[in-house]
Amino acid sequence: MLQAQMNSSLKVQVRHGYPLMKQALEALLMTIPGVTLCGEPTRHSQGLSMPDVVIADEDGALRLAASDTRARVIAICHTAREAEVRRVLAAGVRGYVVLGDDVAELIECLQAVARGGRHICRAAARCIADGYGRDELTRREQEVLDLLTEGLCNKNIARRMAIAEGTVKTYVKAVLGKLEARTRAHAVTVALQRGMVTQLPMVGFASTPRHAMAA
């Protein structure tokens, strides 16, 4: 039996897009004294017991938080990246845990959320703390960063955004400065690590002519 346990009885429901992950989480929860599993609602489950807390993947947690502001939801995510953590918490999700956390962290999160509070794991808290003091990108700078991720040169970025190439260079310089990046490729890497962009860089990014990539 696990040493860690709930302070009181708690009904928990698991919603996850991957069946194996859902089953694994349910199997784990069944080993925690004080936790009772609730099935997912269906059209024919009107009499189903309502959960105290719902554990879901990131997309499911965002949908549930948007559809029911009273729901006490915990997001189970693969990693903790600053932009993703902020987006999930801003949407009303009460807890944030990553797959690399231990059972004690999950139990602590369950207890806090069940009481009506919030809880984010250490990795997520570290991401948020690291983000303090950094200048956020403006909307246009974020657009430029997204296009940098596509591997576009200044000329093509200017065409896509319908602005002058000189203005693009100004935005690129601002993006590099705020991300503390040495090069455009470094900026994309930093942005991916922080969850500021979700699209993977184009394969030909590194092979783009140097003169075309110049800031």
C-alpha atoms as a PDB file:
ATOM      1  CA  MET A   1       0.000   0.000   0.000  1.00  0.00           C
ATOM      2  CA  LEU A   2       1.210   3.501  -0.762  1.00  0.00           C
ATOM      3  CA  GLN A   3       2.333   5.528   2.248  1.00  0.00           C
ATOM      4  CA  ALA A   4       0.717   8.667   0.870  1.00  0.00           C
ATOM      5  CA  GLN A   5      -3.054   8.845   1.145  1.00  0.00           C
ATOM      6  CA  MET A   6      -5.952  11.255   1.045  1.00  0.00           C
ATOM      7  CA  ASN A   7      -7.033  13.101   4.180  1.00  0.00           C
ATOM      8  CA  SER A   8     -10.676  12.331   3.352  1.00  0.00           C
ATOM      9  CA  SER A   9     -12.749  10.372   0.840  1.00  0.00           C
ATOM     10  CA  LEU A  10     -12.646  11.833  -2.651  1.00  0.00           C
ATOM     11  CA  LYS A  11     -14.522  10.975  -5.855  1.00  0.00           C
ATOM     12  CA  VAL A  12     -12.295  11.393  -8.904  1.00  0.00           C
ATOM     13  CA  GLN A  13     -13.061  11.095 -12.604  1.00  0.00           C
ATOM     14  CA  VAL A  14     -10.403  10.593 -15.290  1.00  0.00           C
ATOM     15  CA  ARG A  15     -10.819  11.927 -18.830  1.00  0.00           C
ATOM     16  CA  HIS A  16      -7.948  11.387 -21.223  1.00  0.00           C
ATOM     17  CA  GLY A  17      -7.680  11.227 -24.985  1.00  0.00           C
ATOM     18  CA  TYR A  18      -5.366   8.204 -24.855  1.00  0.00           C
ATOM     19  CA  PRO A  19      -7.084   5.062 -23.519  1.00  0.00           C
ATOM     20  CA  LEU A  20      -3.854   3.544 -22.173  1.00  0.00           C
ATOM     21  CA  MET A  21      -3.046   6.715 -20.246  1.00  0.00           C
ATOM     22  CA  LYS A  22      -6.594   6.857 -18.879  1.00  0.00           C
ATOM     23  CA  GLN A  23      -6.396   3.255 -17.723  1.00  0.00           C
ATOM     24  CA  ALA A  24      -2.973   3.819 -16.165  1.00  0.00           C
ATOM     25  CA  LEU A  25      -4.196   6.853 -14.224  1.00  0.00           C
ATOM     26  CA  GLU A  26      -7.276   4.988 -13.030  1.00  0.00           C
ATOM     27  CA  ALA A  27      -5.141   2.033 -11.933  1.00  0.00           C
ATOM     28  CA  LEU A  28      -2.877   4.414 -10.020  1.00  0.00           C
ATOM     29  CA  LEU A  29      -5.793   6.201  -8.349  1.00  0.00           C
ATOM     30  CA  MET A  30      -7.266   2.869  -7.239  1.00  0.00           C
ATOM     31  CA  THR A  31      -4.129   2.259  -5.149  1.00  0.00           C
ATOM     32  CA  ILE A  32      -4.601   5.516  -3.210  1.00  0.00           C
ATOM     33  CA  PRO A  33      -6.639   5.012  -0.010  1.00  0.00           C
ATOM     34  CA  GLY A  34      -9.621   7.371   0.128  1.00  0.00           C
ATOM     35  CA  VAL A  35     -10.036   7.764  -3.645  1.00  0.00           C
ATOM     36  CA  THR A  36     -13.158   6.483  -5.399  1.00  0.00           C
ATOM     37  CA  LEU A  37     -13.347   6.459  -9.201  1.00  0.00           C
ATOM     38  CA  CYS A  38     -16.340   7.901 -11.058  1.00  0.00           C
ATOM     39  CA  GLY A  39     -17.177   6.907 -14.623  1.00  0.00           C
ATOM     40  CA  GLU A  40     -17.401   9.447 -17.430  1.00  0.00           C
ATOM     41  CA  PRO A  41     -20.906  10.812 -18.078  1.00  0.00           C
ATOM     42  CA  THR A  42     -22.938   9.529 -21.034  1.00  0.00           C
ATOM     43  CA  ARG A  43     -26.404  10.238 -22.409  1.00  0.00           C
ATOM     44  CA  HIS A  44     -27.771   7.426 -20.259  1.00  0.00           C
ATOM     45  CA  SER A  45     -25.895   8.188 -17.022  1.00  0.00           C
ATOM     46  CA  GLN A  46     -28.163  10.767 -15.406  1.00  0.00           C
ATOM     47  CA  GLY A  47     -27.912   9.074 -12.029  1.00  0.00           C
ATOM     48  CA  LEU A  48     -24.106   8.881 -12.121  1.00  0.00           C
ATOM     49  CA  SER A  49     -22.311  10.171  -9.025  1.00  0.00           C
ATOM     50  CA  MET A  50     -20.688  13.553  -9.637  1.00  0.00           C
ATOM     51  CA  PRO A  51     -16.922  13.702  -9.076  1.00  0.00           C
ATOM     52  CA  ASP A  52     -15.237  16.048  -6.620  1.00  0.00           C
ATOM     53  CA  VAL A  53     -12.293  16.449  -9.002  1.00  0.00           C
ATOM     54  CA  VAL A  54     -11.736  15.651 -12.683  1.00  0.00           C
ATOM     55  CA  ILE A  55      -8.297  14.716 -14.003  1.00  0.00           C
ATOM     56  CA  ALA A  56      -7.882  15.293 -17.747  1.00  0.00           C
ATOM     57  CA  ASP A  57      -5.290  15.823 -20.447  1.00  0.00           C
ATOM     58  CA  GLU A  58      -4.550  19.430 -21.380  1.00  0.00           C
ATOM     59  CA  ASP A  59      -7.136  19.707 -24.178  1.00  0.00           C
ATOM     60  CA  GLY A  60      -9.816  17.991 -22.121  1.00  0.00           C
ATOM     61  CA  ALA A  61      -9.098  20.174 -19.107  1.00  0.00           C
ATOM     62  CA  LEU A  62      -9.392  23.331 -21.209  1.00  0.00           C
ATOM     63  CA  ARG A  63     -12.703  22.196 -22.707  1.00  0.00           C
ATOM     64  CA  LEU A  64     -14.153  21.243 -19.346  1.00  0.00           C
ATOM     65  CA  ALA A  65     -13.053  24.477 -17.682  1.00  0.00           C
ATOM     66  CA  ALA A  66     -14.629  26.458 -20.531  1.00  0.00           C
ATOM     67  CA  SER A  67     -17.921  24.571 -20.366  1.00  0.00           C
ATOM     68  CA  ASP A  68     -18.267  24.553 -16.574  1.00  0.00           C
ATOM     69  CA  THR A  69     -16.565  27.283 -14.559  1.00  0.00           C
ATOM     70  CA  ARG A  70     -17.451  25.451 -11.333  1.00  0.00           C
ATOM     71  CA  ALA A  71     -15.595  22.287 -12.327  1.00  0.00           C
ATOM     72  CA  ARG A  72     -12.541  21.421 -10.266  1.00  0.00           C
ATOM     73  CA  VAL A  73     -10.161  20.220 -12.935  1.00  0.00           C
ATOM     74  CA  ILE A  74      -6.561  19.042 -12.864  1.00  0.00           C
ATOM     75  CA  ALA A  75      -4.559  18.968 -16.092  1.00  0.00           C
ATOM     76  CA  ILE A  76      -2.089  16.110 -16.538  1.00  0.00           C
ATOM     77  CA  CYS A  77       0.487  17.298 -19.077  1.00  0.00           C
ATOM     78  CA  HIS A  78       3.591  15.820 -20.672  1.00  0.00           C
ATOM     79  CA  THR A  79       5.841  18.721 -19.724  1.00  0.00           C
ATOM     80  CA  ALA A  80       5.696  22.102 -18.022  1.00  0.00           C
ATOM     81  CA  ARG A  81       6.285  24.997 -20.401  1.00  0.00           C
ATOM     82  CA  GLU A  82       5.624  28.555 -19.325  1.00  0.00           C
ATOM     83  CA  ALA A  83       3.138  29.546 -22.026  1.00  0.00           C
ATOM     84  CA  GLU A  84       1.155  26.325 -21.649  1.00  0.00           C
ATOM     85  CA  VAL A  85       1.044  26.580 -17.848  1.00  0.00           C
ATOM     86  CA  ARG A  86      -0.174  30.176 -18.044  1.00  0.00           C
ATOM     87  CA  ARG A  87      -2.777  29.303 -20.703  1.00  0.00           C
ATOM     88  CA  VAL A  88      -4.169  26.396 -18.680  1.00  0.00           C
ATOM     89  CA  LEU A  89      -4.367  28.353 -15.424  1.00  0.00           C
ATOM     90  CA  ALA A  90      -5.894  31.396 -17.136  1.00  0.00           C
ATOM     91  CA  ALA A  91      -8.629  29.144 -18.535  1.00  0.00           C
ATOM     92  CA  GLY A  92      -9.749  28.244 -15.014  1.00  0.00           C
ATOM     93  CA  VAL A  93      -8.082  24.859 -14.583  1.00  0.00           C
ATOM     94  CA  ARG A  94      -7.330  24.429 -10.866  1.00  0.00           C
ATOM     95  CA  GLY A  95      -4.346  22.063 -10.943  1.00  0.00           C
ATOM     96  CA  TYR A  96      -1.339  21.342 -13.152  1.00  0.00           C
ATOM     97  CA  VAL A  97       0.732  18.160 -12.870  1.00  0.00           C
ATOM     98  CA  VAL A  98       3.225  16.629 -15.297  1.00  0.00           C
ATOM     99  CA  LEU A  99       3.637  12.935 -16.072  1.00  0.00           C
ATOM    100  CA  GLY A 100       7.093  12.938 -14.521  1.00  0.00           C
ATOM    101  CA  ASP A 101       5.737  13.853 -11.068  1.00  0.00           C
ATOM    102  CA  ASP A 102       5.399  11.313  -8.281  1.00  0.00           C
ATOM    103  CA  VAL A 103       2.197  10.106  -6.613  1.00  0.00           C
ATOM    104  CA  ALA A 104       2.688  12.395  -3.615  1.00  0.00           C
ATOM    105  CA  GLU A 105       2.543  15.439  -5.924  1.00  0.00           C
ATOM    106  CA  LEU A 106      -0.699  14.192  -7.492  1.00  0.00           C
ATOM    107  CA  ILE A 107      -2.252  13.568  -4.071  1.00  0.00           C
ATOM    108  CA  GLU A 108      -1.251  17.032  -2.883  1.00  0.00           C
ATOM    109  CA  CYS A 109      -2.840  18.489  -6.001  1.00  0.00           C
ATOM    110  CA  LEU A 110      -6.035  16.462  -5.553  1.00  0.00           C
ATOM    111  CA  GLN A 111      -6.408  17.595  -1.944  1.00  0.00           C
ATOM    112  CA  ALA A 112      -5.833  21.268  -2.747  1.00  0.00           C
ATOM    113  CA  VAL A 113      -8.237  21.308  -5.707  1.00  0.00           C
ATOM    114  CA  ALA A 114     -10.900  19.352  -3.782  1.00  0.00           C
ATOM    115  CA  ARG A 115     -10.809  22.085  -1.111  1.00  0.00           C
ATOM    116  CA  GLY A 116     -11.464  24.685  -3.788  1.00  0.00           C
ATOM    117  CA  GLY A 117      -7.867  25.830  -4.036  1.00  0.00           C
ATOM    118  CA  ARG A 118      -5.205  25.653  -6.732  1.00  0.00           C
ATOM    119  CA  HIS A 119      -2.033  23.635  -7.029  1.00  0.00           C
ATOM    120  CA  ILE A 120       0.712  23.519  -9.641  1.00  0.00           C
ATOM    121  CA  CYS A 121       3.598  21.082  -9.548  1.00  0.00           C
ATOM    122  CA  ARG A 122       7.168  22.170  -8.858  1.00  0.00           C
ATOM    123  CA  ALA A 123       8.156  22.101 -12.531  1.00  0.00           C
ATOM    124  CA  ALA A 124       5.235  24.356 -13.475  1.00  0.00           C
ATOM    125  CA  ALA A 125       5.946  26.706 -10.563  1.00  0.00           C
ATOM    126  CA  ARG A 126       9.571  26.927 -11.678  1.00  0.00           C
ATOM    127  CA  CYS A 127       8.458  27.864 -15.227  1.00  0.00           C
ATOM    128  CA  ILE A 128       6.251  30.655 -13.903  1.00  0.00           C
ATOM    129  CA  ALA A 129       8.974  31.937 -11.577  1.00  0.00           C
ATOM    130  CA  ASP A 130      11.551  31.938 -14.376  1.00  0.00           C
ATOM    131  CA  GLY A 131       9.178  33.997 -16.498  1.00  0.00           C
ATOM    132  CA  TYR A 132       8.951  36.912 -14.062  1.00  0.00           C
ATOM    133  CA  GLY A 133      10.908  39.952 -15.160  1.00  0.00           C
ATOM    134  CA  ARG A 134      10.905  38.959 -18.832  1.00  0.00           C
ATOM    135  CA  ASP A 135       9.318  41.284 -21.341  1.00  0.00           C
ATOM    136  CA  GLU A 136       6.371  39.715 -23.151  1.00  0.00           C
ATOM    137  CA  LEU A 137       6.209  39.812 -26.938  1.00  0.00           C
ATOM    138  CA  THR A 138       3.742  42.172 -28.543  1.00  0.00           C
ATOM    139  CA  ARG A 139       1.105  40.734 -30.861  1.00  0.00           C
ATOM    140  CA  ARG A 140       3.113  41.671 -33.962  1.00  0.00           C
ATOM    141  CA  GLU A 141       6.348  40.317 -32.489  1.00  0.00           C
ATOM    142  CA  GLN A 142       4.578  37.022 -31.795  1.00  0.00           C
ATOM    143  CA  GLU A 143       3.413  36.946 -35.428  1.00  0.00           C
ATOM    144  CA  VAL A 144       6.996  37.397 -36.566  1.00  0.00           C
ATOM    145  CA  LEU A 145       8.141  34.643 -34.219  1.00  0.00           C
ATOM    146  CA  ASP A 146       5.509  32.291 -35.643  1.00  0.00           C
ATOM    147  CA  LEU A 147       6.749  33.027 -39.150  1.00  0.00           C
ATOM    148  CA  LEU A 148      10.359  32.550 -38.077  1.00  0.00           C
ATOM    149  CA  THR A 149       9.312  29.089 -36.945  1.00  0.00           C
ATOM    150  CA  GLU A 150       8.133  28.431 -40.501  1.00  0.00           C
ATOM    151  CA  GLY A 151      11.645  29.257 -41.676  1.00  0.00           C
ATOM    152  CA  LEU A 152      10.687  32.398 -43.600  1.00  0.00           C
ATOM    153  CA  CYS A 153      13.226  35.054 -44.476  1.00  0.00           C
ATOM    154  CA  ASN A 154      12.614  38.758 -43.797  1.00  0.00           C
ATOM    155  CA  LYS A 155      11.374  39.382 -47.324  1.00  0.00           C
ATOM    156  CA  ASN A 156       8.743  36.649 -47.137  1.00  0.00           C
ATOM    157  CA  ILE A 157       7.716  37.669 -43.627  1.00  0.00           C
ATOM    158  CA  ALA A 158       7.189  41.196 -44.924  1.00  0.00           C
ATOM    159  CA  ARG A 159       4.966  39.876 -47.703  1.00  0.00           C
ATOM    160  CA  ARG A 160       2.919  37.717 -45.342  1.00  0.00           C
ATOM    161  CA  MET A 161       2.407  40.542 -42.866  1.00  0.00           C
ATOM    162  CA  ALA A 162       2.056  43.268 -45.527  1.00  0.00           C
ATOM    163  CA  ILE A 163       4.698  45.449 -43.901  1.00  0.00           C
ATOM    164  CA  ALA A 164       8.086  46.841 -44.940  1.00  0.00           C
ATOM    165  CA  GLU A 165      11.130  44.587 -44.764  1.00  0.00           C
ATOM    166  CA  GLY A 166      12.846  47.146 -42.559  1.00  0.00           C
ATOM    167  CA  THR A 167       9.974  46.858 -40.072  1.00  0.00           C
ATOM    168  CA  VAL A 168      10.415  43.091 -40.036  1.00  0.00           C
ATOM    169  CA  LYS A 169      14.085  43.539 -39.145  1.00  0.00           C
ATOM    170  CA  THR A 170      13.048  45.745 -36.225  1.00  0.00           C
ATOM    171  CA  TYR A 171      10.592  43.115 -34.998  1.00  0.00           C
ATOM    172  CA  VAL A 172      13.153  40.316 -35.369  1.00  0.00           C
ATOM    173  CA  LYS A 173      15.694  42.306 -33.367  1.00  0.00           C
ATOM    174  CA  ALA A 174      13.087  42.881 -30.635  1.00  0.00           C
ATOM    175  CA  VAL A 175      12.183  39.183 -30.558  1.00  0.00           C
ATOM    176  CA  LEU A 176      15.814  38.109 -30.240  1.00  0.00           C
ATOM    177  CA  GLY A 177      16.360  40.628 -27.467  1.00  0.00           C
ATOM    178  CA  LYS A 178      13.318  39.607 -25.423  1.00  0.00           C
ATOM    179  CA  LEU A 179      14.095  35.897 -25.800  1.00  0.00           C
ATOM    180  CA  GLU A 180      17.786  36.529 -25.068  1.00  0.00           C
ATOM    181  CA  ALA A 181      18.552  34.616 -28.240  1.00  0.00           C
ATOM    182  CA  ARG A 182      21.756  34.863 -30.250  1.00  0.00           C
ATOM    183  CA  THR A 183      20.272  33.921 -33.615  1.00  0.00           C
ATOM    184  CA  ARG A 184      16.913  33.369 -35.274  1.00  0.00           C
ATOM    185  CA  ALA A 185      17.299  29.602 -34.922  1.00  0.00           C
ATOM    186  CA  HIS A 186      18.130  30.047 -31.244  1.00  0.00           C
ATOM    187  CA  ALA A 187      15.004  32.197 -30.829  1.00  0.00           C
ATOM    188  CA  VAL A 188      12.860  29.428 -32.317  1.00  0.00           C
ATOM    189  CA  THR A 189      14.460  26.868 -29.985  1.00  0.00           C
ATOM    190  CA  VAL A 190      13.819  29.059 -26.932  1.00  0.00           C
ATOM    191  CA  ALA A 191      10.240  29.687 -28.037  1.00  0.00           C
ATOM    192  CA  LEU A 192       9.591  25.950 -28.424  1.00  0.00           C
ATOM    193  CA  GLN A 193      11.070  25.244 -24.991  1.00  0.00           C
ATOM    194  CA  ARG A 194       8.813  27.849 -23.396  1.00  0.00           C
ATOM    195  CA  GLY A 195       5.723  26.746 -25.289  1.00  0.00           C
ATOM    196  CA  MET A 196       5.418  30.091 -27.081  1.00  0.00           C
ATOM    197  CA  VAL A 197       4.996  28.302 -30.398  1.00  0.00           C
ATOM    198  CA  THR A 198       3.654  24.824 -31.054  1.00  0.00           C
ATOM    199  CA  GLN A 199       4.701  24.340 -34.672  1.00  0.00           C
ATOM    200  CA  LEU A 200       7.990  22.527 -35.197  1.00  0.00           C
ATOM    201  CA  PRO A 201      10.583  24.381 -37.288  1.00  0.00           C
ATOM    202  CA  MET A 202      10.677  23.655 -41.000  1.00  0.00           C
ATOM    203  CA  VAL A 203      13.235  21.028 -42.004  1.00  0.00           C
ATOM    204  CA  GLY A 204      14.971  23.509 -44.276  1.00  0.00           C
ATOM    205  CA  PHE A 205      15.314  26.154 -41.564  1.00  0.00           C
ATOM    206  CA  ALA A 206      19.010  25.587 -41.043  1.00  0.00           C
ATOM    207  CA  SER A 207      19.725  25.520 -44.772  1.00  0.00           C
ATOM    208  CA  THR A 208      18.102  28.860 -45.543  1.00  0.00           C
ATOM    209  CA  PRO A 209      20.684  31.173 -47.202  1.00  0.00           C
ATOM    210  CA  ARG A 210      22.525  33.257 -44.613  1.00  0.00           C
ATOM    211  CA  HIS A 211      21.871  36.543 -46.417  1.00  0.00           C
ATOM    212  CA  ALA A 212      18.113  35.798 -46.536  1.00  0.00           C
ATOM    213  CA  MET A 213      17.996  35.013 -42.798  1.00  0.00           C
ATOM    214  CA  ALA A 214      19.899  38.081 -41.695  1.00  0.00           C
ATOM    215  CA  ALA A 215      18.118  40.185 -39.119  1.00  0.00           C
END
